[in-house]
């Protein structure tokens, strides 16, 4: 007896675009307090922020806001349109100055000087998923602040899915971004110790 082979239809994921994602937000499909990102056409739910994470975001955004004044816009956890199917929300984005504060359109990858991710529970996700996405979009510089280790990973000069220059900095080190070499950040002023 010959058994006729049946071909099962392949399972195909239906990815969504940035436009569709934004329409979902406007339609009220998501809860107002949900932390979501669109990454490679898939909606990713982010874990809630703990207190150390919030504190580092506050410290870094205050530093850059005070130092940059009107030279750039400092955005905190706001969407960046990377391409047609990715709209992450980095912890801090240093963006090209625009008089309308991006009222007319969300910032895109080509308007980014520097992205900073604060990694308290998301280090592997930031490194393995978001960093290659940023490199493909040619974001010139990305920092990942490692909360538990009190270290700063610095990634510069994107090439395909990676960065050709990588550094690991300690609290005793200083750093300036590529876009603003005159503004030096002393990491010991940012990293939090119990008595600060």
Protein backbone atom coordinates (compact mmCIF):
# COMPACT_ATOMS: atom_id res chain seq x y z
CA UNK A 1 0.00 0.00 0.00
CA UNK A 2 1.45 3.34 -1.01
CA UNK A 3 0.88 6.25 1.33
CA UNK A 4 0.44 9.55 -0.39
CA UNK A 5 2.73 12.18 1.05
CA UNK A 6 0.97 15.37 2.06
CA UNK A 7 2.77 18.64 2.12
CA UNK A 8 1.92 20.68 5.16
CA UNK A 9 1.78 24.42 4.64
CA UNK A 10 4.81 26.17 6.06
CA UNK A 11 4.19 28.29 9.11
CA UNK A 12 5.02 31.88 8.28
CA UNK A 13 5.16 34.63 10.85
CA UNK A 14 3.32 37.78 9.86
CA UNK A 15 5.60 40.61 10.87
CA UNK A 16 4.29 44.12 11.25
CA UNK A 17 5.66 47.40 10.03
CA UNK A 18 6.40 50.58 11.95
CA UNK A 19 3.34 52.16 10.32
CA UNK A 20 1.07 49.31 11.48
CA UNK A 21 2.62 49.39 14.96
CA UNK A 22 1.95 53.12 15.27
CA UNK A 23 -1.63 52.60 14.08
CA UNK A 24 -2.09 49.99 16.83
CA UNK A 25 -0.94 52.53 19.41
CA UNK A 26 -3.27 55.18 18.04
CA UNK A 27 -6.18 52.70 18.10
CA UNK A 28 -5.57 52.04 21.82
CA UNK A 29 -4.74 48.34 21.40
CA UNK A 30 -1.92 48.50 23.97
CA UNK A 31 -2.21 49.44 27.63
CA UNK A 32 -0.87 52.95 28.34
CA UNK A 33 1.72 51.67 30.83
CA UNK A 34 3.00 48.78 28.68
CA UNK A 35 6.70 48.99 27.82
CA UNK A 36 6.89 47.77 24.23
CA UNK A 37 9.32 47.96 21.34
CA UNK A 38 9.00 46.90 17.72
CA UNK A 39 12.10 44.89 16.85
CA UNK A 40 12.49 43.24 13.45
CA UNK A 41 8.73 43.27 12.89
CA UNK A 42 7.86 41.70 16.26
CA UNK A 43 6.42 43.40 19.33
CA UNK A 44 8.70 42.87 22.32
CA UNK A 45 7.47 43.44 25.86
CA UNK A 46 10.15 44.99 28.02
CA UNK A 47 10.47 44.21 31.74
CA UNK A 48 9.50 46.94 34.20
CA UNK A 49 12.34 49.22 35.28
CA UNK A 50 13.81 48.77 38.71
CA UNK A 51 15.00 51.70 40.84
CA UNK A 52 18.73 51.46 39.90
CA UNK A 53 17.81 51.46 36.20
CA UNK A 54 15.67 54.59 36.62
CA UNK A 55 18.39 56.30 38.65
CA UNK A 56 21.03 55.77 35.94
CA UNK A 57 18.68 57.03 33.24
CA UNK A 58 18.03 60.16 35.33
CA UNK A 59 21.75 60.76 36.00
CA UNK A 60 22.83 60.31 32.40
CA UNK A 61 20.01 62.37 30.93
CA UNK A 62 20.71 65.18 33.42
CA UNK A 63 24.42 65.16 32.54
CA UNK A 64 23.83 65.36 28.80
CA UNK A 65 21.00 67.88 29.06
CA UNK A 66 23.14 70.24 31.17
CA UNK A 67 26.25 69.87 28.99
CA UNK A 68 24.70 69.91 25.52
CA UNK A 69 22.21 72.73 25.98
CA UNK A 70 20.93 73.47 22.45
CA UNK A 71 23.63 71.55 20.59
CA UNK A 72 21.57 68.35 20.60
CA UNK A 73 18.31 66.95 21.92
CA UNK A 74 18.44 64.47 24.79
CA UNK A 75 15.50 62.05 24.62
CA UNK A 76 14.65 59.52 27.31
CA UNK A 77 12.94 56.25 26.36
CA UNK A 78 11.37 57.61 23.20
CA UNK A 79 11.03 55.71 19.91
CA UNK A 80 13.64 55.86 17.17
CA UNK A 81 12.56 54.67 13.72
CA UNK A 82 15.40 52.40 12.64
CA UNK A 83 13.85 50.99 9.47
CA UNK A 84 10.50 49.79 8.16
CA UNK A 85 10.06 47.14 10.87
CA UNK A 86 11.98 48.34 13.94
CA UNK A 87 11.19 51.13 16.38
CA UNK A 88 13.16 50.57 19.59
CA UNK A 89 13.01 52.87 22.59
CA UNK A 90 16.58 53.29 23.86
CA UNK A 91 17.02 54.53 27.40
CA UNK A 92 18.77 57.69 26.18
CA UNK A 93 19.12 59.09 22.67
CA UNK A 94 21.34 62.03 21.79
CA UNK A 95 19.75 63.45 18.65
CA UNK A 96 20.43 66.13 16.08
CA UNK A 97 19.04 69.48 17.16
CA UNK A 98 15.69 70.38 15.64
CA UNK A 99 13.76 73.52 16.46
CA UNK A 100 10.44 71.65 16.43
CA UNK A 101 11.68 69.01 18.93
CA UNK A 102 10.64 66.31 16.45
CA UNK A 103 7.01 67.47 16.48
CA UNK A 104 6.65 66.79 12.74
CA UNK A 105 8.10 63.26 12.77
CA UNK A 106 9.80 60.74 15.03
CA UNK A 107 13.59 60.70 14.93
CA UNK A 108 15.22 58.25 12.55
CA UNK A 109 18.56 56.44 12.69
CA UNK A 110 20.31 59.09 10.60
CA UNK A 111 19.46 61.72 13.23
CA UNK A 112 21.17 59.88 16.10
CA UNK A 113 24.57 60.85 17.50
CA UNK A 114 24.62 58.38 20.39
CA UNK A 115 22.32 55.77 21.94
CA UNK A 116 22.67 54.60 25.54
CA UNK A 117 21.10 51.45 26.95
CA UNK A 118 21.05 50.93 30.72
CA UNK A 119 21.29 47.18 31.33
CA UNK A 120 20.09 46.09 34.74
CA UNK A 121 18.18 42.98 33.55
CA UNK A 122 18.49 43.31 29.77
CA UNK A 123 22.23 42.96 29.05
CA UNK A 124 22.03 39.94 26.72
CA UNK A 125 19.04 41.40 24.86
CA UNK A 126 20.80 44.76 24.47
CA UNK A 127 23.98 43.09 23.20
CA UNK A 128 22.59 40.31 21.03
CA UNK A 129 19.41 41.84 19.60
CA UNK A 130 19.53 45.62 19.78
CA UNK A 131 23.24 46.23 19.17
CA UNK A 132 23.29 44.43 15.76
CA UNK A 133 20.12 46.33 14.86
CA UNK A 134 21.81 49.63 15.69
CA UNK A 135 24.92 48.63 13.72
CA UNK A 136 22.86 47.75 10.63
CA UNK A 137 21.16 51.15 10.91
CA UNK A 138 24.63 52.79 11.04
CA UNK A 139 24.11 54.40 14.44
CA UNK A 140 27.65 55.78 14.93
CA UNK A 141 27.99 55.08 18.65
CA UNK A 142 26.22 52.99 21.31
CA UNK A 143 26.95 52.75 25.02
CA UNK A 144 25.67 49.96 27.27
CA UNK A 145 25.86 50.79 30.95
CA UNK A 146 26.12 47.57 32.97
CA UNK A 147 24.43 48.31 36.29
CA UNK A 148 25.58 45.28 38.32
CA UNK A 149 29.21 45.39 37.13
CA UNK A 150 29.46 49.19 37.16
CA UNK A 151 31.06 49.16 33.72
CA UNK A 152 30.40 50.92 30.45
CA UNK A 153 30.62 49.10 27.14
CA UNK A 154 31.36 51.48 24.27
CA UNK A 155 30.67 50.54 20.64
CA UNK A 156 31.80 52.73 17.74
CA UNK A 157 32.11 52.65 13.96
CA UNK A 158 29.33 50.36 12.69
CA UNK A 159 30.02 47.84 9.97
CA UNK A 160 27.23 45.46 8.88
CA UNK A 161 25.90 43.81 12.10
CA UNK A 162 28.67 44.85 14.44
CA UNK A 163 30.92 47.67 15.62
CA UNK A 164 34.59 47.69 14.70
CA UNK A 165 35.68 49.50 17.88
CA UNK A 166 34.69 48.17 21.29
CA UNK A 167 35.84 49.30 24.73
CA UNK A 168 35.06 48.27 28.29
CA UNK A 169 35.40 51.16 30.75
CA UNK A 170 35.61 51.13 34.54
CA UNK A 171 34.35 53.76 37.06
CA UNK A 172 37.83 55.35 37.16
CA UNK A 173 37.72 56.05 33.40
CA UNK A 174 36.52 59.08 31.44
CA UNK A 175 34.78 59.16 28.08
CA UNK A 176 33.60 61.66 25.50
CA UNK A 177 31.25 60.83 22.66
CA UNK A 178 32.47 60.95 19.08
CA UNK A 179 30.01 63.73 18.24
CA UNK A 180 30.95 65.92 21.22
CA UNK A 181 34.61 65.29 22.09
CA UNK A 182 34.71 68.45 24.22
CA UNK A 183 32.22 67.03 26.73
CA UNK A 184 33.95 64.50 28.95
CA UNK A 185 32.04 62.23 31.29
CA UNK A 186 33.81 60.97 34.40
CA UNK A 187 32.20 57.61 35.07
CA UNK A 188 32.76 57.78 38.82
CA UNK A 189 30.32 60.71 38.83
CA UNK A 190 27.66 58.50 37.27
CA UNK A 191 28.12 55.13 38.92
CA UNK A 192 26.18 54.88 42.13
CA UNK A 193 27.67 53.71 45.39
CA UNK A 194 25.69 53.28 48.63
CA UNK A 195 26.93 56.61 50.06
CA UNK A 196 26.04 58.76 46.97
